[in-house]
C-alpha atoms as a PDB file:
ATOM      1  CA  MET A   1     -60.587 -13.636  -7.983  1.00  0.00           C
ATOM      2  CA  SER A   2     -62.464 -16.403  -6.215  1.00  0.00           C
ATOM      3  CA  GLY A   3     -66.252 -16.453  -5.911  1.00  0.00           C
ATOM      4  CA  GLU A   4     -65.956 -16.054  -2.140  1.00  0.00           C
ATOM      5  CA  LYS A   5     -63.719 -13.007  -2.530  1.00  0.00           C
ATOM      6  CA  ALA A   6     -65.987 -11.477  -5.179  1.00  0.00           C
ATOM      7  CA  ASP A   7     -68.968 -11.770  -2.864  1.00  0.00           C
ATOM      8  CA  LEU A   8     -67.033 -10.111  -0.069  1.00  0.00           C
ATOM      9  CA  LEU A   9     -65.882  -7.166  -2.178  1.00  0.00           C
ATOM     10  CA  ALA A  10     -69.363  -6.680  -3.606  1.00  0.00           C
ATOM     11  CA  GLY A  11     -70.791  -6.375  -0.113  1.00  0.00           C
ATOM     12  CA  THR A  12     -73.324  -9.138  -0.591  1.00  0.00           C
ATOM     13  CA  ARG A  13     -74.442 -11.599   2.064  1.00  0.00           C
ATOM     14  CA  LEU A  14     -71.880 -14.362   2.427  1.00  0.00           C
ATOM     15  CA  ALA A  15     -74.308 -17.112   3.422  1.00  0.00           C
ATOM     16  CA  PRO A  16     -77.870 -17.887   2.339  1.00  0.00           C
ATOM     17  CA  ASP A  17     -80.849 -16.772   4.406  1.00  0.00           C
ATOM     18  CA  GLN A  18     -82.269 -19.519   6.597  1.00  0.00           C
ATOM     19  CA  PRO A  19     -85.870 -20.539   7.258  1.00  0.00           C
ATOM     20  CA  THR A  20     -87.078 -19.004  10.508  1.00  0.00           C
ATOM     21  CA  GLY A  21     -86.874 -21.566  13.317  1.00  0.00           C
ATOM     22  CA  LEU A  22     -84.261 -23.740  11.587  1.00  0.00           C
ATOM     23  CA  GLY A  23     -81.683 -23.403  14.363  1.00  0.00           C
ATOM     24  CA  SER A  24     -84.162 -24.248  17.103  1.00  0.00           C
ATOM     25  CA  ALA A  25     -85.506 -27.230  15.187  1.00  0.00           C
ATOM     26  CA  MET A  26     -81.998 -28.616  14.572  1.00  0.00           C
ATOM     27  CA  ALA A  27     -81.106 -28.126  18.232  1.00  0.00           C
ATOM     28  CA  GLY A  28     -84.071 -30.218  19.275  1.00  0.00           C
ATOM     29  CA  GLY A  29     -86.126 -27.303  20.566  1.00  0.00           C
ATOM     30  CA  LYS A  30     -89.801 -26.558  20.154  1.00  0.00           C
ATOM     31  CA  GLY A  31     -89.357 -24.010  17.405  1.00  0.00           C
ATOM     32  CA  LYS A  32     -91.411 -24.603  14.264  1.00  0.00           C
ATOM     33  CA  LEU A  33     -89.897 -24.334  10.820  1.00  0.00           C
ATOM     34  CA  ASN A  34     -91.761 -22.037   8.464  1.00  0.00           C
ATOM     35  CA  HIS A  35     -91.283 -20.576   5.016  1.00  0.00           C
ATOM     36  CA  ASP A  36     -90.229 -17.133   6.219  1.00  0.00           C
ATOM     37  CA  LYS A  37     -86.547 -16.332   5.907  1.00  0.00           C
ATOM     38  CA  THR A  38     -84.193 -14.831   8.458  1.00  0.00           C
ATOM     39  CA  ALA A  39     -82.014 -12.442   6.479  1.00  0.00           C
ATOM     40  CA  ARG A  40     -78.265 -12.631   6.947  1.00  0.00           C
ATOM     41  CA  ARG A  41     -76.530  -9.362   7.742  1.00  0.00           C
ATOM     42  CA  ALA A  42     -74.349  -7.876   5.014  1.00  0.00           C
ATOM     43  CA  LEU A  43     -70.784  -9.244   5.167  1.00  0.00           C
ATOM     44  CA  ASP A  44     -71.903 -11.492   8.042  1.00  0.00           C
ATOM     45  CA  PHE A  45     -71.364  -8.688  10.541  1.00  0.00           C
ATOM     46  CA  TYR A  46     -72.164 -10.269  13.890  1.00  0.00           C
ATOM     47  CA  PRO A  47     -70.085  -8.648  16.675  1.00  0.00           C
ATOM     48  CA  THR A  48     -68.675 -10.991  19.290  1.00  0.00           C
ATOM     49  CA  PRO A  49     -70.436 -10.858  22.674  1.00  0.00           C
ATOM     50  CA  ALA A  50     -67.994  -9.712  25.352  1.00  0.00           C
ATOM     51  CA  GLU A  51     -68.630 -12.816  27.463  1.00  0.00           C
ATOM     52  CA  CYS A  52     -67.184 -15.001  24.696  1.00  0.00           C
ATOM     53  CA  THR A  53     -63.973 -12.972  24.493  1.00  0.00           C
ATOM     54  CA  ARG A  54     -63.572 -12.740  28.268  1.00  0.00           C
ATOM     55  CA  ALA A  55     -63.938 -16.529  28.531  1.00  0.00           C
ATOM     56  CA  LEU A  56     -61.233 -17.047  25.893  1.00  0.00           C
ATOM     57  CA  PHE A  57     -58.760 -14.774  27.670  1.00  0.00           C
ATOM     58  CA  ALA A  58     -59.482 -16.482  30.985  1.00  0.00           C
ATOM     59  CA  ALA A  59     -58.343 -19.758  29.406  1.00  0.00           C
ATOM     60  CA  GLU A  60     -55.615 -18.566  27.055  1.00  0.00           C
ATOM     61  CA  LEU A  61     -53.927 -15.555  28.688  1.00  0.00           C
ATOM     62  CA  PRO A  62     -50.887 -17.554  29.920  1.00  0.00           C
ATOM     63  CA  PHE A  63     -50.329 -18.961  26.410  1.00  0.00           C
ATOM     64  CA  MET A  64     -50.846 -15.569  24.769  1.00  0.00           C
ATOM     65  CA  ALA A  65     -48.439 -13.779  27.107  1.00  0.00           C
ATOM     66  CA  VAL A  66     -45.539 -15.937  25.887  1.00  0.00           C
ATOM     67  CA  HIS A  67     -46.025 -14.401  22.439  1.00  0.00           C
ATOM     68  CA  GLY A  68     -46.251 -10.849  23.814  1.00  0.00           C
ATOM     69  CA  PHE A  69     -49.074  -8.347  24.126  1.00  0.00           C
ATOM     70  CA  ASP A  70     -49.353  -7.044  20.554  1.00  0.00           C
ATOM     71  CA  LEU A  71     -52.627  -8.318  19.086  1.00  0.00           C
ATOM     72  CA  TRP A  72     -54.215  -8.032  15.658  1.00  0.00           C
ATOM     73  CA  GLU A  73     -57.997  -8.200  15.215  1.00  0.00           C
ATOM     74  CA  PRO A  74     -58.416  -8.500  11.415  1.00  0.00           C
ATOM     75  CA  CYS A  75     -62.248  -8.626  11.399  1.00  0.00           C
ATOM     76  CA  GLY A  76     -62.564  -5.847  13.912  1.00  0.00           C
ATOM     77  CA  ARG A  77     -65.464  -3.683  12.797  1.00  0.00           C
ATOM     78  CA  GLY A  78     -67.483  -2.635  15.837  1.00  0.00           C
ATOM     79  CA  GLY A  79     -64.520  -3.040  18.178  1.00  0.00           C
ATOM     80  CA  ALA A  80     -66.097  -5.811  20.281  1.00  0.00           C
ATOM     81  CA  ILE A  81     -63.023  -8.034  20.708  1.00  0.00           C
ATOM     82  CA  ALA A  82     -60.617  -5.096  20.755  1.00  0.00           C
ATOM     83  CA  ARG A  83     -62.375  -3.494  23.725  1.00  0.00           C
ATOM     84  CA  VAL A  84     -61.957  -6.603  25.872  1.00  0.00           C
ATOM     85  CA  ALA A  85     -58.323  -7.065  24.834  1.00  0.00           C
ATOM     86  CA  ASP A  86     -57.525  -3.414  25.455  1.00  0.00           C
ATOM     87  CA  ARG A  87     -58.832  -3.603  29.024  1.00  0.00           C
ATOM     88  CA  LEU A  88     -56.446  -6.502  29.652  1.00  0.00           C
ATOM     89  CA  GLY A  89     -53.438  -4.472  28.531  1.00  0.00           C
ATOM     90  CA  PHE A  90     -53.040  -5.691  24.952  1.00  0.00           C
ATOM     91  CA  ARG A  91     -51.896  -3.290  22.257  1.00  0.00           C
ATOM     92  CA  VAL A  92     -54.547  -3.896  19.596  1.00  0.00           C
ATOM     93  CA  ALA A  93     -54.294  -3.237  15.871  1.00  0.00           C
ATOM     94  CA  ALA A  94     -57.821  -3.581  14.471  1.00  0.00           C
ATOM     95  CA  THR A  95     -58.595  -3.789  10.758  1.00  0.00           C
ATOM     96  CA  ASP A  96     -61.543  -4.825   8.611  1.00  0.00           C
ATOM     97  CA  ILE A  97     -62.718  -4.781   5.018  1.00  0.00           C
ATOM     98  CA  VAL A  98     -64.984  -1.942   6.174  1.00  0.00           C
ATOM     99  CA  ALA A  99     -63.220   0.907   7.976  1.00  0.00           C
ATOM    100  CA  ASP A 100     -64.655   1.900  11.344  1.00  0.00           C
ATOM    101  CA  PRO A 101     -62.955   5.136  12.502  1.00  0.00           C
ATOM    102  CA  VAL A 102     -65.176   5.413  15.581  1.00  0.00           C
ATOM    103  CA  ASN A 103     -63.633   2.184  16.907  1.00  0.00           C
ATOM    104  CA  ALA A 104     -60.126   2.830  15.505  1.00  0.00           C
ATOM    105  CA  VAL A 105     -60.530   0.096  12.875  1.00  0.00           C
ATOM    106  CA  LEU A 106     -58.446   0.658   9.734  1.00  0.00           C
ATOM    107  CA  LEU A 107     -59.384  -0.442   6.226  1.00  0.00           C
ATOM    108  CA  LEU A 108     -57.736  -3.740   5.248  1.00  0.00           C
ATOM    109  CA  ASP A 109     -59.080  -6.854   3.550  1.00  0.00           C
ATOM    110  CA  LEU A 110     -57.557  -9.718   5.523  1.00  0.00           C
ATOM    111  CA  LEU A 111     -57.212 -11.866   2.409  1.00  0.00           C
ATOM    112  CA  ASP A 112     -55.105  -9.124   0.805  1.00  0.00           C
ATOM    113  CA  ALA A 113     -52.796  -8.657   3.803  1.00  0.00           C
ATOM    114  CA  ARG A 114     -49.147  -9.378   3.027  1.00  0.00           C
ATOM    115  CA  GLU A 115     -47.927  -9.490   6.599  1.00  0.00           C
ATOM    116  CA  ALA A 116     -49.387  -9.982  10.042  1.00  0.00           C
ATOM    117  CA  ARG A 117     -49.953  -6.839  12.071  1.00  0.00           C
ATOM    118  CA  ALA A 118     -49.011  -8.585  15.342  1.00  0.00           C
ATOM    119  CA  PRO A 119     -47.815 -11.996  16.635  1.00  0.00           C
ATOM    120  CA  LEU A 120     -51.209 -12.650  18.242  1.00  0.00           C
ATOM    121  CA  VAL A 121     -54.400 -12.826  16.182  1.00  0.00           C
ATOM    122  CA  VAL A 122     -57.833 -13.137  17.781  1.00  0.00           C
ATOM    123  CA  THR A 123     -60.975 -12.756  15.722  1.00  0.00           C
ATOM    124  CA  ASN A 124     -64.490 -13.903  14.892  1.00  0.00           C
ATOM    125  CA  PRO A 125     -64.350 -14.356  11.093  1.00  0.00           C
ATOM    126  CA  PRO A 126     -67.294 -14.547   8.702  1.00  0.00           C
ATOM    127  CA  PHE A 127     -67.991 -18.259   8.903  1.00  0.00           C
ATOM    128  CA  ALA A 128     -68.365 -18.521   5.121  1.00  0.00           C
ATOM    129  CA  LEU A 129     -64.781 -17.268   4.692  1.00  0.00           C
ATOM    130  CA  ALA A 130     -63.189 -19.017   7.650  1.00  0.00           C
ATOM    131  CA  ARG A 131     -61.428 -21.661   5.568  1.00  0.00           C
ATOM    132  CA  PRO A 132     -59.504 -19.278   3.248  1.00  0.00           C
ATOM    133  CA  MET A 133     -58.794 -16.973   6.181  1.00  0.00           C
ATOM    134  CA  ILE A 134     -57.255 -19.795   8.232  1.00  0.00           C
ATOM    135  CA  ALA A 135     -55.107 -20.848   5.273  1.00  0.00           C
ATOM    136  CA  HIS A 136     -54.011 -17.255   4.660  1.00  0.00           C
ATOM    137  CA  LEU A 137     -53.207 -16.450   8.278  1.00  0.00           C
ATOM    138  CA  LEU A 138     -51.336 -19.657   9.067  1.00  0.00           C
ATOM    139  CA  GLY A 139     -49.868 -20.225   5.619  1.00  0.00           C
ATOM    140  CA  LYS A 140     -48.962 -17.027   3.808  1.00  0.00           C
ATOM    141  CA  LEU A 141     -48.757 -14.824   6.906  1.00  0.00           C
ATOM    142  CA  ASP A 142     -47.172 -17.465   9.164  1.00  0.00           C
ATOM    143  CA  VAL A 143     -49.086 -16.287  12.232  1.00  0.00           C
ATOM    144  CA  ARG A 144     -47.646 -17.858  15.399  1.00  0.00           C
ATOM    145  CA  TYR A 145     -50.775 -17.640  17.564  1.00  0.00           C
ATOM    146  CA  LEU A 146     -54.331 -17.597  16.247  1.00  0.00           C
ATOM    147  CA  ALA A 147     -57.661 -17.887  18.079  1.00  0.00           C
ATOM    148  CA  LEU A 148     -60.825 -18.069  15.991  1.00  0.00           C
ATOM    149  CA  LEU A 149     -64.437 -18.208  17.125  1.00  0.00           C
ATOM    150  CA  LEU A 150     -66.246 -20.698  14.895  1.00  0.00           C
ATOM    151  CA  LYS A 151     -69.263 -22.942  14.879  1.00  0.00           C
ATOM    152  CA  THR A 152     -68.560 -26.065  16.918  1.00  0.00           C
ATOM    153  CA  THR A 153     -69.348 -28.150  13.818  1.00  0.00           C
ATOM    154  CA  PHE A 154     -66.873 -26.264  11.623  1.00  0.00           C
ATOM    155  CA  TRP A 155     -64.645 -29.297  11.075  1.00  0.00           C
ATOM    156  CA  SER A 156     -67.570 -31.633  10.345  1.00  0.00           C
ATOM    157  CA  ALA A 157     -67.038 -31.365   6.590  1.00  0.00           C
ATOM    158  CA  ASP A 158     -65.221 -33.652   4.162  1.00  0.00           C
ATOM    159  CA  ASN A 159     -63.834 -30.699   2.227  1.00  0.00           C
ATOM    160  CA  ARG A 160     -61.873 -29.469   5.270  1.00  0.00           C
ATOM    161  CA  HIS A 161     -59.726 -32.575   5.749  1.00  0.00           C
ATOM    162  CA  GLY A 162     -56.852 -30.935   3.875  1.00  0.00           C
ATOM    163  CA  LEU A 163     -57.043 -27.790   5.999  1.00  0.00           C
ATOM    164  CA  TRP A 164     -57.007 -29.883   9.187  1.00  0.00           C
ATOM    165  CA  ARG A 165     -53.981 -31.869   8.015  1.00  0.00           C
ATOM    166  CA  ALA A 166     -52.082 -28.724   7.033  1.00  0.00           C
ATOM    167  CA  HIS A 167     -53.064 -26.647  10.059  1.00  0.00           C
ATOM    168  CA  PRO A 168     -54.392 -28.730  12.975  1.00  0.00           C
ATOM    169  CA  PRO A 169     -55.385 -26.549  15.936  1.00  0.00           C
ATOM    170  CA  ALA A 170     -53.508 -26.897  19.220  1.00  0.00           C
ATOM    171  CA  ARG A 171     -56.515 -26.357  21.457  1.00  0.00           C
ATOM    172  CA  ARG A 172     -60.283 -26.404  21.177  1.00  0.00           C
ATOM    173  CA  TRP A 173     -62.576 -24.750  23.705  1.00  0.00           C
ATOM    174  CA  ASP A 174     -66.246 -25.693  23.396  1.00  0.00           C
ATOM    175  CA  MET A 175     -68.322 -22.965  25.018  1.00  0.00           C
ATOM    176  CA  THR A 176     -70.982 -24.280  27.376  1.00  0.00           C
ATOM    177  CA  PHE A 177     -73.260 -21.352  26.552  1.00  0.00           C
ATOM    178  CA  ARG A 178     -74.632 -20.183  23.224  1.00  0.00           C
ATOM    179  CA  PRO A 179     -73.497 -16.717  22.139  1.00  0.00           C
ATOM    180  CA  ASP A 180     -76.231 -14.236  21.318  1.00  0.00           C
ATOM    181  CA  PHE A 181     -74.709 -12.525  18.279  1.00  0.00           C
ATOM    182  CA  LEU A 182     -77.893 -10.512  17.816  1.00  0.00           C
ATOM    183  CA  GLU A 183     -77.829  -9.329  21.443  1.00  0.00           C
ATOM    184  CA  GLY A 184     -81.609  -9.524  21.543  1.00  0.00           C
ATOM    185  CA  ALA A 185     -82.120  -7.495  18.362  1.00  0.00           C
ATOM    186  CA  SER A 186     -84.423  -8.848  15.676  1.00  0.00           C
ATOM    187  CA  ARG A 187     -85.289 -11.793  17.880  1.00  0.00           C
ATOM    188  CA  LYS A 188     -88.759 -12.884  18.862  1.00  0.00           C
ATOM    189  CA  LYS A 189     -89.680 -12.645  22.522  1.00  0.00           C
ATOM    190  CA  GLY A 190     -88.706 -15.759  24.432  1.00  0.00           C
ATOM    191  CA  SER A 191     -86.328 -17.065  21.761  1.00  0.00           C
ATOM    192  CA  GLY A 192     -82.581 -17.358  22.128  1.00  0.00           C
ATOM    193  CA  SER A 193     -79.455 -18.332  20.283  1.00  0.00           C
ATOM    194  CA  THR A 194     -79.336 -21.903  18.997  1.00  0.00           C
ATOM    195  CA  MET A 195     -75.765 -21.964  17.657  1.00  0.00           C
ATOM    196  CA  ASN A 196     -73.060 -23.820  19.552  1.00  0.00           C
ATOM    197  CA  CYS A 197     -69.662 -22.167  19.144  1.00  0.00           C
ATOM    198  CA  SER A 198     -66.069 -22.973  20.010  1.00  0.00           C
ATOM    199  CA  TRP A 199     -62.747 -21.174  20.114  1.00  0.00           C
ATOM    200  CA  PHE A 200     -60.076 -22.949  18.052  1.00  0.00           C
ATOM    201  CA  VAL A 201     -56.504 -22.010  18.872  1.00  0.00           C
ATOM    202  CA  TRP A 202     -53.338 -22.473  16.828  1.00  0.00           C
ATOM    203  CA  ASP A 203     -50.169 -21.979  18.855  1.00  0.00           C
ATOM    204  CA  SER A 204     -46.707 -22.483  17.341  1.00  0.00           C
ATOM    205  CA  LEU A 205     -45.282 -23.238  20.800  1.00  0.00           C
ATOM    206  CA  ALA A 206     -47.735 -26.033  21.593  1.00  0.00           C
ATOM    207  CA  ALA A 207     -46.581 -29.637  21.438  1.00  0.00           C
ATOM    208  CA  GLY A 208     -48.481 -32.899  21.188  1.00  0.00           C
ATOM    209  CA  PRO A 209     -52.001 -33.669  19.914  1.00  0.00           C
ATOM    210  CA  PRO A 210     -54.843 -31.141  20.074  1.00  0.00           C
ATOM    211  CA  VAL A 211     -56.213 -30.445  23.557  1.00  0.00           C
ATOM    212  CA  TRP A 212     -59.986 -30.220  24.094  1.00  0.00           C
ATOM    213  CA  GLY A 213     -61.715 -28.434  26.932  1.00  0.00           C
ATOM    214  CA  LEU A 214     -64.964 -26.823  28.012  1.00  0.00           C
ATOM    215  CA  LEU A 215     -65.278 -23.082  28.438  1.00  0.00           C
ATOM    216  CA  GLY A 216     -67.895 -21.434  30.618  1.00  0.00           C
ATOM    217  CA  ARG A 217     -68.496 -17.703  30.977  1.00  0.00           C
ATOM    218  CA  ASP A 218     -65.936 -17.566  33.794  1.00  0.00           C
ATOM    219  CA  GLY A 219     -63.275 -19.576  32.007  1.00  0.00           C
ATOM    220  CA  PRO A 220     -62.282 -23.243  31.705  1.00  0.00           C
ATOM    221  CA  VAL A 221     -64.521 -25.878  33.267  1.00  0.00           C
ATOM    222  CA  LEU A 222     -61.983 -27.865  35.246  1.00  0.00           C
ATOM    223  CA  PRO A 223     -62.567 -31.629  35.787  1.00  0.00           C
ATOM    224  CA  THR A 224     -62.009 -31.354  39.527  1.00  0.00           C
ATOM    225  CA  GLY A 225     -65.573 -31.146  40.825  1.00  0.00           C
ATOM    226  CA  PRO A 226     -67.380 -33.724  42.994  1.00  0.00           C
ATOM    227  CA  ASP A 227     -68.482 -37.035  41.553  1.00  0.00           C
ATOM    228  CA  LEU A 228     -72.240 -36.603  41.332  1.00  0.00           C
ATOM    229  CA  PHE A 229     -72.793 -40.321  41.023  1.00  0.00           C
ATOM    230  CA  ALA A 230     -70.489 -41.458  43.845  1.00  0.00           C
ATOM    231  CA  ALA A 231     -73.357 -41.837  46.329  1.00  0.00           C
ATOM    232  CA  ALA A 232     -75.391 -43.953  43.913  1.00  0.00           C
ATOM    233  CA  SER A 233     -72.562 -46.346  43.026  1.00  0.00           C
END
């Protein structure tokens, strides 16, 4: 059993607490770093804001539909992603390492799954376990379509070169807004999210090099707007 898996099964926090104000300071804001710690939630349970999921579907629905409308949400506690998908007509199978009967989420540790529950997989994984989850989903489970919400800087790590070479994503959508995973809870007045996030998509039917785009709350930001500098040139 790996150390990452042991931590998950023990229910401990999967990432260290951070000094309060660290995110704002790194983002170039006016926040001041202090010695207080912002505690991570157990099992990194941070439900996905609906606006993030709606934006993904606005960009990816045509690609998803080719694979069908059966969707697996393997980190589905709370039902946040499943609710959006359900409204769009997807048949959702939601599972999690913690069962959530209220939201129809069955008990299943993703890293123990022996087969995919659906051709489409959309989820917001615990960032600390994203690497083994990607390898498991695309390797052992041979998932044909996978969309993961991750930190924009996820691939900025030397130890992920092998994962990139083995499983390069087909599309990357950088969100032009910062998701509020706390939804205002446990946040000081006037502060906001400082984490930039992206959806990374693996699609077995995609061809060519990875495609990169911007994703606003209403969907893709298309490069067809007016040239703001035309008058000055």
